[in-house]
Protein backbone atom coordinates (compact mmCIF):
# COMPACT_ATOMS: atom_id res chain seq x y z
CA MET A 1 13.14 -23.74 17.15
CA LYS A 2 13.23 -19.96 17.47
CA GLN A 3 12.18 -18.09 14.35
CA LEU A 4 14.66 -15.65 12.86
CA GLY A 5 13.69 -12.05 13.50
CA VAL A 6 13.07 -9.73 10.54
CA VAL A 7 12.31 -6.01 10.73
CA GLN A 8 10.81 -4.06 7.85
CA ALA A 9 11.93 -0.44 8.39
CA ALA A 10 9.99 2.13 6.39
CA HIS A 11 8.37 5.54 6.53
CA TYR A 12 4.86 4.21 7.11
CA TYR A 13 2.95 0.93 7.26
CA GLY A 14 -0.36 0.01 5.69
CA PRO A 15 -1.93 -1.07 2.40
CA LEU A 16 -2.29 2.50 1.09
CA GLY A 17 0.36 4.10 -1.11
CA GLY A 18 2.86 2.42 -3.41
CA ILE A 19 5.80 1.82 -1.04
CA GLU A 20 3.54 1.29 1.96
CA ARG A 21 1.65 -1.38 0.06
CA VAL A 22 4.88 -3.21 -0.77
CA VAL A 23 5.98 -3.13 2.89
CA TYR A 24 2.55 -4.44 3.89
CA GLN A 25 2.78 -7.26 1.33
CA PHE A 26 6.27 -8.20 2.51
CA CYS A 27 5.17 -8.38 6.14
CA GLN A 28 2.05 -10.39 5.41
CA GLY A 29 3.97 -12.75 3.14
CA LEU A 30 6.78 -13.37 5.62
CA LYS A 31 4.80 -13.87 8.82
CA GLY A 32 4.79 -17.46 9.96
CA ARG A 33 8.14 -18.17 8.34
CA TYR A 34 9.93 -15.38 10.23
CA ALA A 35 9.23 -13.35 13.36
CA VAL A 36 8.51 -10.30 11.23
CA ARG A 37 7.62 -6.84 12.50
CA ALA A 38 7.44 -3.33 11.05
CA VAL A 39 9.25 -0.37 12.61
CA VAL A 40 8.08 2.85 10.98
CA SER A 41 7.59 6.55 11.63
CA ASN A 42 4.45 7.77 13.34
CA THR A 43 2.69 10.94 12.25
CA GLU A 44 2.45 12.08 15.89
CA PRO A 45 5.05 12.74 18.64
CA VAL A 46 4.21 9.49 20.44
CA THR A 47 5.34 5.89 19.96
CA THR A 48 2.58 3.31 19.55
CA HIS A 49 2.55 -0.48 19.33
CA SER A 50 -0.09 -2.60 17.66
CA VAL A 51 -0.60 -5.98 16.04
CA GLU A 52 -2.18 -5.66 12.60
CA GLU A 53 -3.30 -8.83 10.83
CA GLY A 54 -0.74 -10.80 12.81
CA VAL A 55 2.16 -8.38 12.29
CA PRO A 56 3.55 -6.34 15.22
CA VAL A 57 3.89 -2.70 14.18
CA THR A 58 5.88 -0.07 16.10
CA ARG A 59 5.18 3.49 15.00
CA VAL A 60 8.01 5.61 16.39
CA ALA A 61 7.33 9.10 17.73
CA ARG A 62 8.02 11.75 15.09
CA LEU A 63 9.18 15.16 16.28
CA LEU A 64 9.74 16.79 12.89
CA HIS A 65 8.86 16.13 9.26
CA VAL A 66 10.57 17.91 6.36
CA ARG A 67 10.00 16.87 2.73
CA ARG A 68 9.35 13.18 3.40
CA MET A 69 12.14 13.03 5.97
CA SER A 70 11.08 12.21 9.52
CA LEU A 71 13.03 12.96 12.70
CA CYS A 72 12.37 10.13 15.14
CA PRO A 73 15.09 10.23 17.85
CA SER A 74 14.05 6.90 19.39
CA PHE A 75 14.17 5.00 16.08
CA PRO A 76 17.58 3.40 16.91
CA TYR A 77 16.25 2.24 20.28
CA TRP A 78 13.23 0.48 18.79
CA LEU A 79 15.35 -1.17 16.12
CA ARG A 80 17.71 -2.56 18.78
CA ALA A 81 14.77 -3.57 20.98
CA SER A 82 13.44 -5.70 18.11
CA ASP A 83 16.63 -7.82 18.31
CA PRO A 84 16.53 -8.64 14.59
CA ASP A 85 18.61 -11.09 12.61
CA LEU A 86 17.87 -9.05 9.48
CA VAL A 87 16.65 -5.51 8.86
CA HIS A 88 15.09 -4.68 5.50
CA VAL A 89 15.13 -0.91 4.93
CA HIS A 90 12.88 0.73 2.37
CA MET A 91 14.70 3.73 0.91
CA THR A 92 15.07 6.57 0.86
CA ASN A 93 14.79 6.66 4.64
CA PRO A 94 17.54 8.74 6.33
CA MET A 95 16.22 8.01 9.83
CA ALA A 96 16.35 4.23 9.43
CA GLU A 97 19.63 4.36 7.52
CA ALA A 98 21.37 6.43 10.20
CA SER A 99 19.90 4.22 12.92
CA LEU A 100 21.37 1.10 11.34
CA LEU A 101 24.78 2.68 10.78
CA PHE A 102 25.28 4.27 14.18
CA SER A 103 23.22 2.22 16.66
CA GLY A 104 25.79 -0.55 17.00
CA LEU A 105 23.23 -3.09 15.81
CA ARG A 106 24.90 -6.14 14.27
CA CYS A 107 22.62 -7.93 11.84
CA LYS A 108 22.16 -8.70 8.17
CA LEU A 109 20.96 -5.78 6.08
CA ILE A 110 18.90 -5.62 2.89
CA ALA A 111 18.04 -2.31 1.25
CA THR A 112 15.19 -1.82 -1.19
CA TYR A 113 15.90 1.25 -3.28
CA HIS A 114 12.46 2.45 -4.35
CA MET A 115 13.19 5.70 -6.15
CA ASP A 116 15.72 8.37 -7.04
CA VAL A 117 15.27 11.77 -5.38
CA THR A 118 14.89 14.24 -8.24
CA ARG A 119 13.39 17.45 -6.83
CA GLN A 120 14.94 17.86 -3.35
CA ARG A 121 18.49 18.41 -4.54
CA LEU A 122 19.56 20.65 -1.63
CA LEU A 123 18.62 17.93 0.85
CA ASN A 124 20.66 15.48 -1.19
CA ILE A 125 23.88 17.33 -0.32
CA PRO A 126 23.97 16.23 3.35
CA TYR A 127 22.11 12.98 2.63
CA SER A 128 24.32 11.54 -0.13
CA PRO A 129 27.27 10.58 2.15
CA LEU A 130 24.89 8.83 4.55
CA GLN A 131 23.22 7.02 1.68
CA LYS A 132 26.58 5.85 0.32
CA LEU A 133 27.69 4.50 3.70
CA PHE A 134 24.41 2.67 4.07
CA LEU A 135 24.45 1.10 0.62
CA ASP A 136 28.09 0.08 1.14
CA ARG A 137 26.99 -1.72 4.31
CA ALA A 138 24.01 -3.56 2.78
CA GLU A 139 24.49 -7.20 1.80
CA VAL A 140 21.98 -6.89 -1.03
CA ILE A 141 20.14 -4.01 -2.69
CA THR A 142 16.83 -4.80 -4.33
CA THR A 143 14.95 -2.69 -6.84
CA SER A 144 11.87 -3.16 -8.95
CA SER A 145 13.21 -3.36 -12.51
CA GLU A 146 16.37 -3.75 -14.56
CA ASN A 147 15.52 -0.48 -16.34
CA PHE A 148 15.64 1.42 -13.07
CA ALA A 149 18.81 -0.26 -11.78
CA ARG A 150 20.64 0.36 -15.03
CA THR A 151 19.77 4.06 -15.28
CA SER A 152 19.84 5.13 -11.61
CA PRO A 153 22.79 7.45 -10.87
CA VAL A 154 22.90 6.07 -7.33
CA LEU A 155 22.72 2.36 -8.12
CA SER A 156 25.22 2.41 -10.99
CA ARG A 157 28.13 1.79 -8.58
CA TYR A 158 26.32 -1.07 -6.82
CA LEU A 159 25.18 -3.19 -9.76
CA HIS A 160 27.28 -6.09 -8.44
CA LYS A 161 24.90 -6.50 -5.50
CA VAL A 162 21.62 -5.31 -7.00
CA ARG A 163 18.82 -7.87 -7.32
CA VAL A 164 15.69 -7.15 -9.34
CA LEU A 165 12.52 -7.94 -7.38
CA PRO A 166 9.43 -6.87 -9.36
CA TYR A 167 6.45 -5.98 -7.19
CA GLY A 168 3.28 -7.96 -7.73
CA LEU A 169 -0.45 -7.62 -7.40
CA ALA A 170 -2.33 -9.67 -4.83
CA GLU A 171 -4.79 -12.16 -6.30
CA ASN A 172 -7.64 -10.58 -4.35
CA ALA A 173 -6.61 -6.97 -5.04
CA LEU A 174 -9.24 -6.31 -7.71
CA VAL A 175 -12.17 -8.62 -7.19
CA GLU A 176 -15.62 -7.97 -8.60
CA THR A 177 -18.29 -7.55 -5.95
CA GLU A 178 -21.96 -6.69 -6.01
CA ARG A 179 -20.96 -3.13 -5.13
CA SER A 180 -18.41 -2.88 -7.97
CA ARG A 181 -20.86 -4.30 -10.51
CA ALA A 182 -23.49 -1.75 -9.47
CA LEU A 183 -20.93 1.05 -9.74
CA LEU A 184 -19.85 -0.15 -13.19
CA ALA A 185 -23.46 -0.07 -14.39
CA GLU A 186 -23.77 3.45 -12.98
CA LEU A 187 -20.57 4.57 -14.73
CA ARG A 188 -21.81 3.16 -18.03
CA ARG A 189 -25.04 5.15 -17.66
CA ASP A 190 -23.40 8.39 -16.58
CA VAL A 191 -20.30 8.38 -18.80
CA THR A 192 -20.98 7.72 -22.47
CA GLY A 193 -18.35 7.25 -25.14
CA PRO A 194 -14.67 6.36 -24.68
CA VAL A 195 -13.06 6.74 -21.25
CA VAL A 196 -9.44 7.56 -20.37
CA LEU A 197 -8.55 6.76 -16.75
CA PHE A 198 -5.84 7.98 -14.39
CA VAL A 199 -5.41 6.60 -10.86
CA GLY A 200 -2.86 8.11 -8.49
CA ARG A 201 -1.90 11.07 -6.38
CA LEU A 202 -2.34 14.55 -7.85
CA ILE A 203 1.30 15.54 -7.47
CA HIS A 204 3.94 16.87 -9.84
CA TYR A 205 5.81 13.75 -10.92
CA LYS A 206 2.60 11.93 -11.89
CA GLY A 207 2.20 14.33 -14.83
CA VAL A 208 -1.56 14.80 -14.47
CA GLU A 209 -1.22 18.35 -15.85
CA VAL A 210 0.15 16.86 -19.09
CA LEU A 211 -2.83 14.52 -19.30
CA VAL A 212 -5.25 17.44 -18.91
CA GLU A 213 -3.48 19.28 -21.75
CA ALA A 214 -3.59 16.14 -23.90
CA MET A 215 -7.36 15.86 -23.48
CA ARG A 216 -7.78 18.94 -25.69
CA GLU A 217 -6.98 16.59 -28.59
CA VAL A 218 -8.85 13.50 -27.41
CA GLU A 219 -12.59 12.99 -27.94
CA ALA A 220 -13.23 11.08 -24.74
CA THR A 221 -14.06 11.52 -21.07
CA CYS A 222 -11.08 11.52 -18.72
CA LEU A 223 -11.69 10.27 -15.18
CA ILE A 224 -8.95 11.31 -12.73
CA VAL A 225 -9.09 9.25 -9.54
CA GLY A 226 -7.05 10.43 -6.55
CA GLU A 227 -6.24 13.40 -4.36
CA GLY A 228 -3.25 15.69 -3.90
CA TYR A 229 -1.93 19.22 -3.68
CA LEU A 230 -2.43 19.90 -7.41
CA LYS A 231 -6.20 19.55 -7.23
CA GLY A 232 -6.89 23.29 -7.20
CA ALA A 233 -4.47 24.02 -10.04
CA LEU A 234 -5.98 21.20 -12.10
CA GLU A 235 -9.50 22.49 -11.53
CA ARG A 236 -8.46 25.94 -12.73
CA ARG A 237 -6.68 24.59 -15.82
CA ILE A 238 -9.62 22.35 -16.73
CA ALA A 239 -11.88 25.42 -16.57
CA GLU A 240 -9.45 27.54 -18.62
CA LEU A 241 -9.43 24.90 -21.36
CA GLY A 242 -13.21 24.51 -21.28
CA LEU A 243 -12.91 20.82 -20.44
CA GLU A 244 -15.23 20.73 -17.43
CA GLY A 245 -17.57 18.25 -19.10
CA ARG A 246 -14.86 15.91 -20.33
CA VAL A 247 -12.23 15.90 -17.58
CA ARG A 248 -13.59 14.93 -14.18
CA LEU A 249 -11.72 14.93 -10.88
CA VAL A 250 -13.30 11.97 -9.13
CA GLY A 251 -11.32 12.26 -5.89
CA ARG A 252 -10.41 9.37 -3.68
CA ILE A 253 -12.42 6.15 -3.93
CA GLU A 254 -12.50 2.94 -1.94
CA ASP A 255 -10.29 0.06 -3.07
CA GLN A 256 -13.30 -2.14 -3.81
CA GLU A 257 -14.58 0.53 -6.23
CA LEU A 258 -11.38 0.59 -8.30
CA VAL A 259 -12.29 -2.49 -10.32
CA ALA A 260 -15.35 -0.70 -11.73
CA TYR A 261 -13.24 2.23 -12.94
CA TYR A 262 -10.65 -0.02 -14.57
CA ASP A 263 -13.42 -2.02 -16.25
CA ARG A 264 -15.11 1.15 -17.54
CA ALA A 265 -11.87 2.55 -18.98
CA ASP A 266 -10.86 2.11 -22.61
CA VAL A 267 -7.32 3.35 -21.93
CA PHE A 268 -5.33 3.79 -18.72
CA ALA A 269 -2.83 6.68 -18.73
CA LEU A 270 0.26 7.05 -16.55
CA PRO A 271 1.86 10.30 -17.82
CA SER A 272 4.74 10.50 -15.30
CA VAL A 273 7.31 13.23 -15.95
CA ASN A 274 10.43 12.06 -14.09
CA ARG A 275 12.25 9.19 -12.37
CA THR A 276 10.40 9.59 -9.10
CA GLU A 277 7.86 7.32 -10.80
CA SER A 278 10.06 4.30 -10.28
CA TYR A 279 7.53 1.55 -11.01
CA GLY A 280 3.85 2.30 -11.63
CA LEU A 281 1.85 -0.42 -9.88
CA THR A 282 -1.43 1.05 -11.14
CA GLN A 283 -0.41 -0.08 -14.62
CA ILE A 284 -0.45 -3.68 -13.38
CA GLU A 285 -3.90 -3.11 -11.89
CA ALA A 286 -5.21 -1.77 -15.20
CA MET A 287 -3.55 -4.54 -17.21
CA SER A 288 -5.00 -7.22 -14.92
CA ARG A 289 -8.46 -6.00 -15.97
CA GLY A 290 -7.60 -6.06 -19.67
CA THR A 291 -7.23 -2.28 -20.03
CA PRO A 292 -4.46 -1.12 -22.41
CA VAL A 293 -1.94 1.35 -20.99
CA VAL A 294 -0.25 4.49 -22.25
CA CYS A 295 2.76 5.45 -20.13
CA THR A 296 5.90 7.56 -20.46
CA GLU A 297 9.53 6.52 -20.82
CA VAL A 298 11.31 7.89 -17.75
CA GLY A 299 14.00 5.22 -17.58
CA THR A 300 12.36 3.25 -14.79
CA GLY A 301 9.88 0.43 -14.32
CA THR A 302 7.04 2.09 -16.22
CA SER A 303 8.21 0.73 -19.58
CA PHE A 304 9.30 -2.56 -17.96
CA ILE A 305 5.71 -3.20 -16.91
CA ASN A 306 4.04 -1.74 -20.01
CA LEU A 307 5.75 -3.09 -23.13
CA HIS A 308 5.44 -0.74 -26.10
CA GLY A 309 3.32 -2.26 -28.84
CA GLU A 310 2.55 -5.35 -26.76
CA THR A 311 0.53 -4.28 -23.70
CA GLY A 312 0.19 -0.59 -24.52
CA LEU A 313 2.11 2.36 -25.90
CA VAL A 314 5.05 4.32 -24.45
CA VAL A 315 5.63 8.03 -25.21
CA PRO A 316 8.17 10.70 -24.15
CA PRO A 317 7.44 12.45 -20.82
CA GLY A 318 5.97 15.94 -20.74
CA ASP A 319 4.72 15.75 -24.35
CA SER A 320 0.95 16.26 -24.36
CA GLY A 321 0.78 15.88 -28.13
CA ALA A 322 2.49 12.49 -28.08
CA LEU A 323 0.31 11.40 -25.17
CA ALA A 324 -2.85 12.42 -27.03
CA GLY A 325 -1.64 10.68 -30.18
CA ALA A 326 -1.05 7.39 -28.36
CA ILE A 327 -4.43 7.53 -26.62
CA ASN A 328 -6.16 8.28 -29.92
CA ALA A 329 -4.30 5.45 -31.66
CA ILE A 330 -5.80 2.95 -29.22
CA LEU A 331 -9.27 4.49 -29.11
CA SER A 332 -9.52 4.52 -32.91
CA ASP A 333 -8.47 0.89 -33.44
CA GLU A 334 -10.66 -1.69 -31.71
CA THR A 335 -8.49 -4.59 -32.86
CA LEU A 336 -5.38 -2.94 -31.41
CA LYS A 337 -7.21 -2.11 -28.19
CA ILE A 338 -8.34 -5.71 -27.70
CA ARG A 339 -4.90 -7.14 -28.51
CA LEU A 340 -3.10 -4.80 -26.11
CA GLY A 341 -5.67 -5.48 -23.39
CA ASP A 342 -5.44 -9.26 -23.75
CA ASN A 343 -1.62 -9.18 -23.74
CA GLY A 344 -1.62 -6.90 -20.72
CA ARG A 345 -3.91 -9.20 -18.75
CA ALA A 346 -1.68 -12.18 -19.54
CA ARG A 347 1.47 -10.29 -18.51
CA ALA A 348 -0.04 -8.94 -15.29
CA THR A 349 -1.35 -12.31 -14.17
CA THR A 350 1.86 -14.25 -14.87
CA VAL A 351 4.82 -11.88 -14.40
CA PHE A 352 3.53 -9.43 -11.78
CA THR A 353 1.87 -11.54 -9.09
CA GLU A 354 2.23 -11.23 -5.35
CA ARG A 355 2.92 -14.97 -5.15
CA LYS A 356 5.91 -14.71 -7.48
CA MET A 357 7.21 -11.62 -5.68
CA LEU A 358 7.06 -13.33 -2.28
CA GLU A 359 8.71 -16.51 -3.59
CA ASN A 360 11.63 -14.38 -4.82
CA LEU A 361 11.76 -12.47 -1.52
CA ARG A 362 11.84 -15.63 0.62
CA ALA A 363 14.58 -17.13 -1.55
CA LEU A 364 16.62 -13.95 -1.12
CA TYR A 365 16.17 -14.02 2.68
CA GLU A 366 17.26 -17.65 2.84
CA GLU A 367 20.37 -16.78 0.85
CA VAL A 368 21.28 -13.76 3.00
CA LEU A 369 20.51 -15.42 6.32
CA GLY A 370 22.16 -18.69 5.33
């Protein structure tokens, strides 16, 4: 019996990056049950085809890229050529959305709405009508948390067909290895005293600048793992505040090294400043290692993952004083720190697992495809 064809349409494909990781997990979890493939934008003006861990991937030639929007004129062709029974579009993705609306392709459609666009308001003017048409057409719209669905200005009119599908962590995502244990021993030698950890891109909505300001009031070492366009500005601000010895920009590290950083941390901080931070998967990573979390309330999945007073603390966005106060509250109370860490590990390993996420996804596909 012929397998039903499913296309995951997204900006990019691979296990790096929040949305890209979800698309990768979906494809890996669906292969075997469906004839699944990924159709995504390339970073070059050429279309390539590959099979990656059993999943066919078409990277469509990109002629132009403006603020996360890719112009790939042959995207409609490659969607039609896939002959899908269902296309699952990861939004926002104007190229894929327009391709589905105007290519004449007749198939079932699921949209995953990953985030609200908060900074590119001028681009929203021409995009909003397209987005509305696309969401009207979708059979189901998934998103990562009830918090986000309830507060999103876009999703408010579609609550009747919104399904919450929390993203989960793979069981083998953070596994101790000989390399990670050696790195942890090295970190314990080199970094004495309490440690505050951030993992993510050094970009505006992550709020790393707020964390740097907060560290003026925290007697601890802050390790900032990741890269991004704010690196230079952060280096200058760290120097201005005289925090060179206590705030360290680690840069990018390998996935297998992450476990050592989470295990060395006393507190994990996610100081996001707006709704572009729609979920916060790194919180789940930290919680799975028993590290308490301090995050901000931006009306999205951050405070759905990290429950205030249970797995960590939640503070207002952009408030360095409140952020410092929450970090200090955990660092100064060992009993609280242990309780939050234990609760976080239990929540991460029961509520936010890849297995549970994929079970929910397969059930949704069976419902939509009949």
